[in-house]
N, C-alpha and C. Protein backbone atom coordinates (compact mmCIF):
# COMPACT_ATOMS: atom_id res chain seq x y z
N MET A 1 0.93 -1.33 0.27
CA MET A 1 -0.17 0.00 0.01
C MET A 1 0.97 1.26 0.06
N VAL A 2 0.93 2.04 -0.90
CA VAL A 2 1.33 3.22 -1.00
C VAL A 2 1.03 4.21 -0.06
N GLU A 3 1.77 5.05 0.43
CA GLU A 3 1.26 6.32 1.08
C GLU A 3 1.58 7.41 0.42
N LEU A 4 0.33 8.12 0.36
CA LEU A 4 0.22 9.63 -0.37
C LEU A 4 0.69 10.72 0.45
N GLN A 5 2.04 11.57 -0.03
CA GLN A 5 1.85 12.70 0.71
C GLN A 5 2.21 13.54 -0.18
N THR A 6 0.55 14.30 0.06
CA THR A 6 0.41 15.12 -1.01
C THR A 6 -0.68 16.36 -0.31
N SER A 7 -0.71 17.64 -0.79
CA SER A 7 -1.74 18.39 -0.69
C SER A 7 -2.19 18.98 -1.77
N GLY A 8 -3.79 18.86 -2.10
CA GLY A 8 -4.18 19.47 -3.19
C GLY A 8 -5.05 18.37 -3.76
N ALA A 9 -5.29 18.22 -5.11
CA ALA A 9 -5.50 16.93 -5.85
C ALA A 9 -4.73 15.49 -5.87
N LEU A 10 -5.66 14.84 -5.37
CA LEU A 10 -4.94 13.36 -5.42
C LEU A 10 -4.98 12.71 -7.06
N HIS A 11 -3.99 12.06 -7.69
CA HIS A 11 -4.45 12.05 -9.22
C HIS A 11 -4.52 10.51 -9.41
N LEU A 12 -5.63 9.77 -8.90
CA LEU A 12 -5.68 8.56 -8.52
C LEU A 12 -6.90 8.41 -9.78
N PRO A 13 -6.57 7.20 -10.64
CA PRO A 13 -7.96 6.80 -11.61
C PRO A 13 -9.28 6.80 -11.16
N ASP A 14 -9.81 6.88 -11.62
CA ASP A 14 -11.32 7.17 -11.34
C ASP A 14 -12.07 7.78 -10.50
N ALA A 15 -11.54 8.77 -9.64
CA ALA A 15 -11.53 9.10 -8.43
C ALA A 15 -11.33 10.88 -8.65
N GLU A 16 -11.95 11.63 -8.03
CA GLU A 16 -11.85 12.98 -7.75
C GLU A 16 -11.64 13.56 -6.21
N ILE A 17 -10.67 13.38 -5.49
CA ILE A 17 -10.05 13.38 -4.02
C ILE A 17 -9.21 14.89 -4.15
N THR A 18 -9.63 15.70 -3.23
CA THR A 18 -8.61 16.45 -2.79
C THR A 18 -8.33 16.39 -1.56
N TYR A 19 -7.12 17.10 -1.09
CA TYR A 19 -6.88 16.66 0.62
C TYR A 19 -6.10 18.06 0.77
N LEU A 20 -6.64 18.68 1.75
CA LEU A 20 -6.24 20.32 2.34
C LEU A 20 -5.61 19.62 3.85
N PRO A 21 -4.69 20.00 4.43
CA PRO A 21 -4.27 19.52 5.60
C PRO A 21 -4.10 20.42 6.26
N HIS A 22 -4.21 22.11 5.93
CA HIS A 22 -4.69 22.97 7.10
C HIS A 22 -5.64 23.80 6.97
N PHE A 23 -6.94 22.86 6.35
CA PHE A 23 -7.76 23.60 6.19
C PHE A 23 -8.28 24.25 7.57
N LEU A 24 -8.36 23.84 8.57
CA LEU A 24 -8.56 24.80 9.90
C LEU A 24 -7.58 24.77 10.87
N PRO A 25 -7.35 26.44 10.94
CA PRO A 25 -6.12 26.44 12.41
C PRO A 25 -6.23 25.55 13.17
N THR A 26 -4.78 25.42 13.72
CA THR A 26 -4.43 24.23 14.62
C THR A 26 -5.73 24.73 16.14
N GLU A 27 -5.61 26.07 16.33
CA GLU A 27 -6.14 26.39 17.35
C GLU A 27 -8.11 26.39 17.88
N ARG A 28 -8.23 26.42 16.42
CA ARG A 28 -10.12 26.57 16.12
C ARG A 28 -10.30 25.19 16.01
N ALA A 29 -9.64 24.26 15.33
CA ALA A 29 -9.99 23.02 15.58
C ALA A 29 -10.20 22.41 16.76
N SER A 30 -8.97 22.71 17.47
CA SER A 30 -8.80 21.91 18.99
C SER A 30 -9.88 22.69 19.81
N ARG A 31 -10.50 23.44 19.79
CA ARG A 31 -11.77 24.02 20.22
C ARG A 31 -12.68 23.63 19.93
N TYR A 32 -13.52 23.26 18.25
CA TYR A 32 -14.01 22.50 17.90
C TYR A 32 -14.07 20.95 18.34
N PHE A 33 -12.96 20.17 18.54
CA PHE A 33 -13.03 19.39 19.12
C PHE A 33 -13.75 19.00 20.25
N SER A 34 -12.79 19.50 21.51
CA SER A 34 -13.30 19.72 22.46
C SER A 34 -14.65 19.93 22.61
N SER A 35 -15.74 21.30 22.24
CA SER A 35 -17.24 21.29 22.06
C SER A 35 -17.60 19.75 21.41
N LEU A 36 -16.89 19.54 20.51
CA LEU A 36 -18.03 18.42 19.77
C LEU A 36 -17.83 17.10 20.96
N ARG A 37 -16.86 17.08 20.94
CA ARG A 37 -16.53 15.88 22.14
C ARG A 37 -17.46 15.74 23.19
N GLU A 38 -17.70 16.82 23.78
CA GLU A 38 -18.42 16.94 25.02
C GLU A 38 -19.78 16.54 24.89
N LYS A 39 -20.47 17.70 23.62
CA LYS A 39 -21.99 18.34 23.51
C LYS A 39 -22.36 17.29 22.48
N ALA A 40 -21.79 16.48 21.27
CA ALA A 40 -22.46 15.92 20.58
C ALA A 40 -23.28 15.17 20.73
N ASN A 41 -24.29 14.55 20.20
CA ASN A 41 -25.40 13.38 20.65
C ASN A 41 -24.48 12.01 20.40
N TRP A 42 -23.56 12.17 20.97
CA TRP A 42 -22.95 10.23 20.46
C TRP A 42 -23.95 9.13 21.08
N GLN A 43 -24.03 8.22 20.20
CA GLN A 43 -24.42 6.66 20.29
C GLN A 43 -23.41 5.71 19.64
N GLU A 44 -23.78 4.52 20.69
CA GLU A 44 -22.96 3.53 19.72
C GLU A 44 -24.29 2.43 19.37
N ASP A 45 -24.30 1.95 18.30
CA ASP A 45 -25.33 1.51 17.63
C ASP A 45 -24.83 -0.29 17.40
N GLU A 46 -25.63 -0.92 17.08
CA GLU A 46 -24.93 -2.21 17.22
C GLU A 46 -25.31 -2.57 15.64
N ILE A 47 -24.14 -3.58 15.03
CA ILE A 47 -24.16 -4.02 13.76
C ILE A 47 -24.11 -5.48 14.01
N THR A 48 -25.01 -6.11 12.65
CA THR A 48 -24.69 -7.38 12.72
C THR A 48 -23.58 -7.86 11.13
N VAL A 49 -22.87 -8.69 11.18
CA VAL A 49 -21.85 -9.14 10.27
C VAL A 49 -21.97 -10.98 10.39
N PHE A 50 -22.53 -10.90 9.43
CA PHE A 50 -22.23 -12.51 8.87
C PHE A 50 -23.11 -13.33 10.34
N GLY A 51 -24.17 -12.83 10.46
CA GLY A 51 -25.28 -13.29 11.57
C GLY A 51 -24.64 -13.33 12.93
N LYS A 52 -23.69 -12.38 13.19
CA LYS A 52 -23.36 -12.05 14.47
C LYS A 52 -23.36 -10.53 15.31
N THR A 53 -23.99 -10.40 16.12
CA THR A 53 -24.25 -8.46 16.26
C THR A 53 -22.95 -8.39 16.98
N TYR A 54 -22.61 -7.22 16.98
CA TYR A 54 -21.94 -6.34 17.27
C TYR A 54 -22.10 -4.93 18.21
N ALA A 55 -21.17 -4.54 19.09
CA ALA A 55 -21.61 -3.25 18.82
C ALA A 55 -20.46 -2.58 17.90
N GLN A 56 -20.87 -1.23 17.45
CA GLN A 56 -20.13 -0.83 16.21
C GLN A 56 -18.53 -0.33 16.99
N PRO A 57 -17.80 -0.49 16.23
CA PRO A 57 -16.64 0.06 17.31
C PRO A 57 -15.78 1.96 16.86
N ARG A 58 -16.88 2.38 16.96
CA ARG A 58 -16.91 3.86 16.67
C ARG A 58 -18.12 4.34 17.60
N LEU A 59 -18.01 5.56 17.83
CA LEU A 59 -19.88 6.00 18.23
C LEU A 59 -19.97 6.99 17.29
N THR A 60 -21.22 7.61 16.74
CA THR A 60 -21.42 8.19 15.86
C THR A 60 -22.76 9.67 16.41
N ALA A 61 -23.18 10.28 15.72
CA ALA A 61 -23.78 11.55 15.71
C ALA A 61 -24.13 11.93 14.61
N LEU A 62 -25.77 11.98 14.12
CA LEU A 62 -26.30 12.44 13.01
C LEU A 62 -26.80 14.27 13.28
N TYR A 63 -26.54 14.74 12.52
CA TYR A 63 -26.91 15.90 12.34
C TYR A 63 -27.27 16.70 10.90
N GLY A 64 -28.27 17.42 10.87
CA GLY A 64 -29.19 17.92 9.66
C GLY A 64 -29.53 19.15 9.63
N ASN A 65 -30.20 19.65 8.34
CA ASN A 65 -31.38 20.81 8.64
C ASN A 65 -32.78 20.36 7.67
N ASN A 66 -32.66 19.08 7.11
CA ASN A 66 -34.05 18.88 6.61
C ASN A 66 -34.95 17.77 7.31
N GLY A 67 -34.33 17.03 8.53
CA GLY A 67 -34.99 16.21 9.24
C GLY A 67 -34.77 14.88 8.55
N LYS A 68 -34.09 14.59 7.48
CA LYS A 68 -34.19 13.65 6.89
C LYS A 68 -33.49 12.67 7.32
N PRO A 69 -33.67 11.00 7.67
CA PRO A 69 -32.60 9.86 8.31
C PRO A 69 -31.79 9.77 7.33
N TYR A 70 -30.91 9.25 7.89
CA TYR A 70 -29.35 8.65 6.89
C TYR A 70 -29.21 7.14 7.41
N SER A 71 -29.28 5.76 6.40
CA SER A 71 -29.12 4.78 6.51
C SER A 71 -27.91 4.22 6.11
N TYR A 72 -27.39 3.22 7.05
CA TYR A 72 -26.25 2.28 6.31
C TYR A 72 -26.01 1.19 7.38
N SER A 73 -25.29 0.42 6.61
CA SER A 73 -25.26 -1.48 7.57
C SER A 73 -26.56 -1.43 8.29
N ASN A 74 -27.67 -1.57 7.58
CA ASN A 74 -28.56 -1.76 8.43
C ASN A 74 -29.12 -0.76 9.82
N ILE A 75 -28.51 0.32 9.80
CA ILE A 75 -28.27 1.38 10.70
C ILE A 75 -29.37 2.65 10.17
N THR A 76 -30.37 3.26 11.05
CA THR A 76 -31.26 4.03 10.52
C THR A 76 -30.81 5.41 11.72
N MET A 77 -30.05 6.67 11.41
CA MET A 77 -30.35 7.30 12.17
C MET A 77 -31.08 8.96 12.09
N ALA A 78 -31.91 9.28 12.86
CA ALA A 78 -32.25 10.40 12.49
C ALA A 78 -31.31 11.82 13.08
N PRO A 79 -31.88 12.56 12.44
CA PRO A 79 -30.85 14.10 12.77
C PRO A 79 -31.05 14.71 13.48
N SER A 80 -30.63 15.01 14.47
CA SER A 80 -30.60 16.58 15.21
C SER A 80 -30.31 17.65 14.61
N VAL A 81 -30.87 18.79 15.15
CA VAL A 81 -30.78 20.02 14.24
C VAL A 81 -29.41 20.43 14.75
N PHE A 82 -28.53 21.16 13.50
CA PHE A 82 -27.24 21.38 13.44
C PHE A 82 -26.55 22.33 14.45
N THR A 83 -25.89 22.48 15.48
CA THR A 83 -25.59 22.80 16.25
C THR A 83 -24.98 24.55 15.26
N PRO A 84 -24.69 25.78 16.14
CA PRO A 84 -24.01 26.77 15.93
C PRO A 84 -22.32 26.57 15.11
N GLU A 85 -22.08 25.57 16.05
CA GLU A 85 -20.77 25.28 15.51
C GLU A 85 -20.40 24.33 14.27
N LEU A 86 -21.16 23.52 14.45
CA LEU A 86 -21.41 22.49 12.98
C LEU A 86 -21.44 23.59 11.90
N LEU A 87 -22.52 24.84 12.04
CA LEU A 87 -23.39 25.56 11.26
C LEU A 87 -21.75 26.36 10.35
N GLN A 88 -20.77 26.74 11.50
CA GLN A 88 -19.99 27.64 11.25
C GLN A 88 -18.55 26.08 10.31
N ILE A 89 -18.81 25.19 10.61
CA ILE A 89 -18.05 24.09 9.85
C ILE A 89 -18.36 23.98 8.54
N LYS A 90 -19.70 23.44 8.88
CA LYS A 90 -20.50 23.52 7.29
C LYS A 90 -20.27 24.39 6.24
N GLU A 91 -20.49 25.93 6.57
CA GLU A 91 -20.25 26.97 5.88
C GLU A 91 -18.94 26.87 5.38
N LEU A 92 -17.89 26.86 5.94
CA LEU A 92 -16.65 26.86 5.41
C LEU A 92 -16.23 26.01 4.57
N VAL A 93 -16.47 24.26 4.57
CA VAL A 93 -16.70 23.30 4.02
C VAL A 93 -17.48 23.52 2.64
N GLU A 94 -18.67 24.02 2.69
CA GLU A 94 -19.48 24.28 1.82
C GLU A 94 -18.57 25.59 0.56
N THR A 95 -18.02 25.87 1.02
CA THR A 95 -17.11 27.20 0.46
C THR A 95 -15.82 26.80 -0.81
N HIS A 96 -15.45 25.56 -0.06
CA HIS A 96 -14.28 24.89 -0.92
C HIS A 96 -14.81 23.80 -1.56
N ALA A 97 -15.75 23.21 -1.06
CA ALA A 97 -17.02 22.24 -2.16
C ALA A 97 -17.96 23.03 -3.04
N ASP A 98 -17.96 24.07 -3.00
CA ASP A 98 -18.74 24.58 -4.01
C ASP A 98 -20.20 24.03 -3.94
N THR A 99 -20.55 23.47 -2.80
CA THR A 99 -21.77 22.37 -2.72
C THR A 99 -22.53 22.75 -1.45
N VAL A 100 -23.94 23.18 -0.95
CA VAL A 100 -24.58 22.95 -0.17
C VAL A 100 -25.43 21.42 0.58
N PHE A 101 -24.61 21.41 1.96
CA PHE A 101 -24.87 19.94 2.26
C PHE A 101 -25.51 19.91 3.35
N THR A 102 -26.34 19.15 3.14
CA THR A 102 -27.82 19.13 4.43
C THR A 102 -27.58 18.66 5.76
N THR A 103 -26.41 17.40 5.57
CA THR A 103 -26.30 16.49 6.65
C THR A 103 -24.68 16.26 7.08
N CYS A 104 -24.95 15.92 7.99
CA CYS A 104 -23.18 15.68 8.48
C CYS A 104 -23.08 14.61 9.50
N LEU A 105 -22.33 13.43 9.37
CA LEU A 105 -22.41 12.11 10.19
C LEU A 105 -20.86 12.44 11.13
N LEU A 106 -20.85 12.10 12.23
CA LEU A 106 -19.70 12.66 13.14
C LEU A 106 -19.90 11.30 13.33
N ASN A 107 -18.33 10.83 13.47
CA ASN A 107 -17.72 9.81 13.79
C ASN A 107 -16.60 9.82 15.35
N LEU A 108 -16.67 8.91 15.88
CA LEU A 108 -15.61 9.30 17.32
C LEU A 108 -14.95 8.13 17.61
N TYR A 109 -13.37 8.15 16.86
CA TYR A 109 -12.57 7.09 17.05
C TYR A 109 -11.80 7.53 18.42
N ARG A 110 -12.30 6.60 19.74
CA ARG A 110 -11.56 6.86 20.99
C ARG A 110 -10.55 6.26 21.28
N ASN A 111 -9.88 5.17 20.24
CA ASN A 111 -8.72 4.60 20.59
C ASN A 111 -8.26 3.86 19.19
N GLY A 112 -7.39 3.12 19.21
CA GLY A 112 -6.95 2.81 18.18
C GLY A 112 -7.41 1.07 17.92
N ARG A 113 -8.22 0.87 18.51
CA ARG A 113 -9.59 -0.37 18.38
C ARG A 113 -10.39 -0.31 17.39
N ASP A 114 -11.00 1.14 17.64
CA ASP A 114 -12.23 1.60 16.97
C ASP A 114 -11.75 2.19 15.79
N SER A 115 -12.59 1.51 14.86
CA SER A 115 -12.32 2.13 13.26
C SER A 115 -13.37 2.17 12.12
N ASN A 116 -13.24 1.86 11.38
CA ASN A 116 -14.46 1.89 9.87
C ASN A 116 -13.88 0.95 9.07
N GLY A 117 -14.49 -0.26 8.83
CA GLY A 117 -14.34 -1.10 7.96
C GLY A 117 -13.99 -1.03 6.45
N TRP A 118 -14.07 -1.59 5.33
CA TRP A 118 -14.20 -1.26 3.88
C TRP A 118 -15.45 -0.87 3.52
N HIS A 119 -15.85 0.13 2.86
CA HIS A 119 -16.92 0.64 2.45
C HIS A 119 -17.03 1.95 1.50
N ALA A 120 -17.95 2.14 0.77
CA ALA A 120 -18.31 3.21 -0.20
C ALA A 120 -19.27 3.87 0.41
N ASP A 121 -19.81 5.37 0.48
CA ASP A 121 -20.70 5.92 0.57
C ASP A 121 -21.71 6.47 -0.69
N ASN A 122 -22.37 4.92 -0.99
CA ASN A 122 -22.81 5.03 -2.27
C ASN A 122 -24.24 4.85 -1.78
N GLU A 123 -25.08 5.38 -0.54
CA GLU A 123 -26.35 4.76 -0.57
C GLU A 123 -27.26 5.56 -1.55
N ARG A 124 -28.17 4.91 -1.66
CA ARG A 124 -28.78 5.52 -2.73
C ARG A 124 -29.58 6.79 -2.00
N GLU A 125 -29.68 7.13 -1.34
CA GLU A 125 -30.19 8.27 -0.93
C GLU A 125 -29.47 9.83 -1.00
N LEU A 126 -28.05 9.37 -1.27
CA LEU A 126 -27.21 10.33 -1.40
C LEU A 126 -26.81 10.66 -2.91
N GLY A 127 -27.35 9.95 -3.83
CA GLY A 127 -27.65 10.30 -5.36
C GLY A 127 -26.14 9.87 -6.15
N HIS A 128 -26.48 9.97 -7.22
CA HIS A 128 -25.38 9.84 -8.42
C HIS A 128 -23.92 10.59 -7.81
N ASN A 129 -22.82 9.85 -7.63
CA ASN A 129 -21.51 10.82 -7.98
C ASN A 129 -21.88 11.81 -6.56
N PRO A 130 -22.18 10.99 -5.53
CA PRO A 130 -22.21 11.70 -4.29
C PRO A 130 -21.09 12.71 -3.86
N ILE A 131 -20.88 14.12 -3.16
CA ILE A 131 -20.05 14.50 -2.90
C ILE A 131 -19.87 14.44 -1.28
N ILE A 132 -18.32 13.79 -0.99
CA ILE A 132 -18.19 13.65 0.52
C ILE A 132 -16.91 14.71 1.04
N ALA A 133 -17.36 15.32 1.76
CA ALA A 133 -16.63 16.03 2.55
C ALA A 133 -16.43 16.07 4.03
N SER A 134 -14.87 15.47 4.19
CA SER A 134 -14.67 14.89 5.61
C SER A 134 -13.55 15.74 6.08
N VAL A 135 -13.80 15.94 7.35
CA VAL A 135 -12.86 17.24 8.12
C VAL A 135 -12.72 16.22 9.64
N SER A 136 -11.49 16.33 9.63
CA SER A 136 -10.55 15.53 11.03
C SER A 136 -10.59 16.59 12.06
N LEU A 137 -10.74 15.83 13.09
CA LEU A 137 -10.06 17.01 14.26
C LEU A 137 -9.53 15.77 15.34
N GLY A 138 -8.51 16.24 16.17
CA GLY A 138 -8.15 15.47 16.88
C GLY A 138 -6.88 14.60 16.25
N ALA A 139 -6.92 13.38 16.67
CA ALA A 139 -5.50 12.45 16.61
C ALA A 139 -5.33 12.47 15.04
N GLU A 140 -4.49 11.95 14.22
CA GLU A 140 -4.20 11.54 13.31
C GLU A 140 -4.65 10.26 13.08
N ARG A 141 -5.09 9.43 11.96
CA ARG A 141 -5.50 8.38 11.70
C ARG A 141 -5.24 7.95 10.49
N TYR A 142 -4.77 6.75 9.58
CA TYR A 142 -4.45 6.60 8.68
C TYR A 142 -5.82 6.13 7.78
N PHE A 143 -6.18 6.70 6.64
CA PHE A 143 -7.34 6.63 5.55
C PHE A 143 -6.99 5.87 4.57
N HIS A 144 -7.56 4.71 4.52
CA HIS A 144 -6.98 3.80 3.10
C HIS A 144 -7.97 3.83 2.09
N LEU A 145 -6.96 3.15 1.16
CA LEU A 145 -8.13 3.80 -0.50
C LEU A 145 -7.49 2.46 -1.32
N LYS A 146 -8.78 1.93 -1.75
CA LYS A 146 -8.62 0.66 -2.76
C LYS A 146 -9.36 0.49 -4.05
N HIS A 147 -9.14 0.65 -5.15
CA HIS A 147 -9.80 0.57 -6.30
C HIS A 147 -10.72 -0.85 -6.59
N ASN A 148 -12.19 -1.00 -6.82
CA ASN A 148 -12.92 -1.48 -6.41
C ASN A 148 -12.04 -2.61 -7.67
N THR A 149 -11.59 -2.26 -9.17
CA THR A 149 -11.52 -3.50 -9.81
C THR A 149 -9.79 -3.43 -10.51
N LEU A 150 -9.01 -2.22 -10.04
CA LEU A 150 -7.60 -2.04 -10.20
C LEU A 150 -6.52 -2.55 -8.83
N ALA A 151 -6.36 -3.76 -8.84
CA ALA A 151 -5.88 -4.60 -7.88
C ALA A 151 -4.65 -3.44 -7.32
N THR A 152 -3.95 -2.97 -7.89
CA THR A 152 -2.47 -2.27 -7.65
C THR A 152 -2.40 -1.24 -7.13
N GLU A 153 -4.14 -0.62 -7.40
CA GLU A 153 -4.60 0.71 -7.18
C GLU A 153 -5.06 0.77 -5.53
N ARG A 154 -3.71 1.06 -4.43
CA ARG A 154 -4.12 0.83 -2.93
C ARG A 154 -3.32 1.99 -2.30
N TYR A 155 -3.80 3.00 -1.80
CA TYR A 155 -2.95 3.94 -1.12
C TYR A 155 -3.29 3.86 0.46
N LYS A 156 -2.63 4.73 0.96
CA LYS A 156 -2.97 5.17 2.72
C LYS A 156 -2.81 6.81 2.85
N LEU A 157 -3.33 7.80 3.43
CA LEU A 157 -3.05 9.13 3.46
C LEU A 157 -3.46 9.05 4.92
N LEU A 158 -2.66 9.86 5.47
CA LEU A 158 -2.36 10.39 7.15
C LEU A 158 -3.40 11.59 7.17
N LEU A 159 -4.25 11.34 7.97
CA LEU A 159 -5.49 12.55 7.99
C LEU A 159 -5.02 13.50 9.03
N GLY A 160 -4.81 15.06 9.00
CA GLY A 160 -4.29 15.10 10.04
C GLY A 160 -5.37 16.11 11.04
N HIS A 161 -5.17 16.85 12.00
CA HIS A 161 -5.95 17.52 12.35
C HIS A 161 -6.58 19.02 12.01
N GLY A 162 -7.68 18.74 11.67
CA GLY A 162 -8.03 20.67 10.83
C GLY A 162 -8.08 20.05 9.17
N SER A 163 -7.86 19.13 9.05
CA SER A 163 -7.95 18.64 7.88
C SER A 163 -9.13 18.74 6.94
N LEU A 164 -9.00 18.81 5.59
CA LEU A 164 -10.61 18.70 4.69
C LEU A 164 -10.10 17.82 3.78
N LEU A 165 -10.95 16.58 3.58
CA LEU A 165 -10.80 15.63 2.53
C LEU A 165 -12.09 15.44 1.71
N LEU A 166 -11.74 16.09 0.22
CA LEU A 166 -13.24 16.12 -0.25
C LEU A 166 -13.13 14.69 -1.84
N MET A 167 -14.36 14.34 -1.58
CA MET A 167 -14.49 13.22 -2.67
C MET A 167 -15.44 13.51 -3.22
N LYS A 168 -15.14 13.24 -4.55
CA LYS A 168 -16.35 13.95 -5.77
C LYS A 168 -16.62 12.77 -6.72
N GLY A 169 -17.40 13.15 -7.83
CA GLY A 169 -17.59 12.20 -9.09
C GLY A 169 -17.81 10.78 -8.61
N PRO A 170 -16.93 10.14 -9.82
CA PRO A 170 -17.18 8.87 -9.61
C PRO A 170 -16.45 8.07 -8.30
N THR A 171 -15.89 8.37 -7.24
CA THR A 171 -15.11 8.05 -6.41
C THR A 171 -15.78 6.91 -5.84
N GLN A 172 -17.11 7.32 -5.40
CA GLN A 172 -17.71 6.21 -4.45
C GLN A 172 -17.92 4.80 -5.20
N HIS A 173 -17.94 5.26 -6.31
CA HIS A 173 -18.52 3.61 -7.16
C HIS A 173 -17.31 3.06 -7.76
N CYS A 174 -16.32 3.96 -7.51
CA CYS A 174 -15.19 3.14 -7.79
C CYS A 174 -13.81 2.79 -6.67
N TRP A 175 -14.25 3.11 -5.80
CA TRP A 175 -13.40 3.12 -4.84
C TRP A 175 -14.02 2.53 -3.43
N LYS A 176 -13.13 1.69 -2.59
CA LYS A 176 -13.78 1.85 -1.02
C LYS A 176 -12.90 2.31 -0.26
N HIS A 177 -12.78 2.84 1.11
CA HIS A 177 -12.16 3.23 1.76
C HIS A 177 -12.57 3.03 3.23
N GLN A 178 -11.65 3.09 4.01
CA GLN A 178 -11.67 2.48 5.72
C GLN A 178 -10.49 3.31 6.62
N ILE A 179 -11.10 3.50 7.44
CA ILE A 179 -10.21 4.06 9.08
C ILE A 179 -9.82 2.54 9.59
N PRO A 180 -8.48 1.97 9.09
CA PRO A 180 -8.20 0.52 10.22
C PRO A 180 -7.85 0.48 11.49
N LYS A 181 -7.76 -0.15 12.06
CA LYS A 181 -7.56 -0.32 13.64
C LYS A 181 -6.16 0.04 13.40
N THR A 182 -5.60 0.14 14.55
CA THR A 182 -4.35 0.00 14.98
C THR A 182 -3.58 -0.01 16.46
N ALA A 183 -2.40 -0.77 16.11
CA ALA A 183 -2.11 -1.42 17.51
C ALA A 183 -1.22 -0.06 18.48
N LYS A 184 -0.98 1.39 17.71
CA LYS A 184 0.03 2.08 18.82
C LYS A 184 -1.32 2.67 19.19
N PRO A 185 -0.62 3.66 20.18
CA PRO A 185 -1.45 4.30 21.13
C PRO A 185 -1.68 5.32 20.49
N VAL A 186 -3.34 6.01 20.25
CA VAL A 186 -3.35 7.19 19.81
C VAL A 186 -5.09 7.73 20.46
N ALA A 187 -4.79 8.79 20.31
CA ALA A 187 -5.85 9.78 21.12
C ALA A 187 -7.16 9.83 20.35
N GLU A 188 -8.07 10.57 20.76
CA GLU A 188 -9.55 10.23 20.23
C GLU A 188 -9.18 11.09 18.74
N ARG A 189 -10.10 10.97 18.12
CA ARG A 189 -10.32 11.55 16.71
C ARG A 189 -11.27 11.88 16.61
N ILE A 190 -12.35 12.54 16.25
CA ILE A 190 -13.85 12.95 15.66
C ILE A 190 -13.56 13.47 14.01
N ASN A 191 -14.24 12.72 13.39
CA ASN A 191 -14.29 13.37 11.78
C ASN A 191 -15.95 13.43 11.32
N LEU A 192 -16.01 14.16 10.68
CA LEU A 192 -17.37 15.33 10.67
C LEU A 192 -17.28 14.69 9.03
N THR A 193 -18.43 13.97 8.41
CA THR A 193 -18.56 13.65 7.22
C THR A 193 -19.66 14.26 6.59
N PHE A 194 -19.80 15.46 6.15
CA PHE A 194 -20.75 15.98 5.27
C PHE A 194 -21.36 16.11 4.04
N ARG A 195 -22.85 15.53 3.79
CA ARG A 195 -23.01 15.02 2.50
C ARG A 195 -24.63 15.69 2.37
N VAL A 196 -25.11 15.37 1.04
CA VAL A 196 -25.96 15.90 0.69
C VAL A 196 -27.18 14.57 0.68
N ILE A 197 -28.29 14.90 1.47
CA ILE A 197 -29.32 13.93 1.00
C ILE A 197 -30.93 15.02 0.48
N PRO A 198 -31.22 14.61 -0.53
CA PRO A 198 -32.05 15.88 -0.93
C PRO A 198 -33.66 15.16 -0.76
């Protein structure tokens, strides 16, 4: 797996991905992290894999402005109303993405055992060629990418505190991504994934 050391557009086949490592100033990102860690409506859902049910290996929270739920992996979440701080972040992200987002799914990775397995954000309610904007707060974690049909196209990118990752175009149809577990001691990380549910 090749590590990407880059800022700006990632030149990968069948993808439109941009990484901005310094999207938020460090001090501001730290304030957002502390506030969201304390105040977000965190929940831990159960997931069923091959007939066995487990606690999802991370906490999640959903916020939105149109009341529409979001479903993935047989989990359906109802949104809370955007907080003032989430609206601030949303407006900044929208400026870079040139998109108005309706929904934000937050993930809290409490330690290296918390993770998110291989998947694509290609749920039907997100529409064709969905735009996903991901803001990282807190500890650095590796983000893995693998192409669905090109076996040699596998990469990892270290997502830093205050960074923004934009995925557009055919990315969700042609690639899968994950935040893998790590045996290294890592602090908490919050990931905000903005999306459009019309």
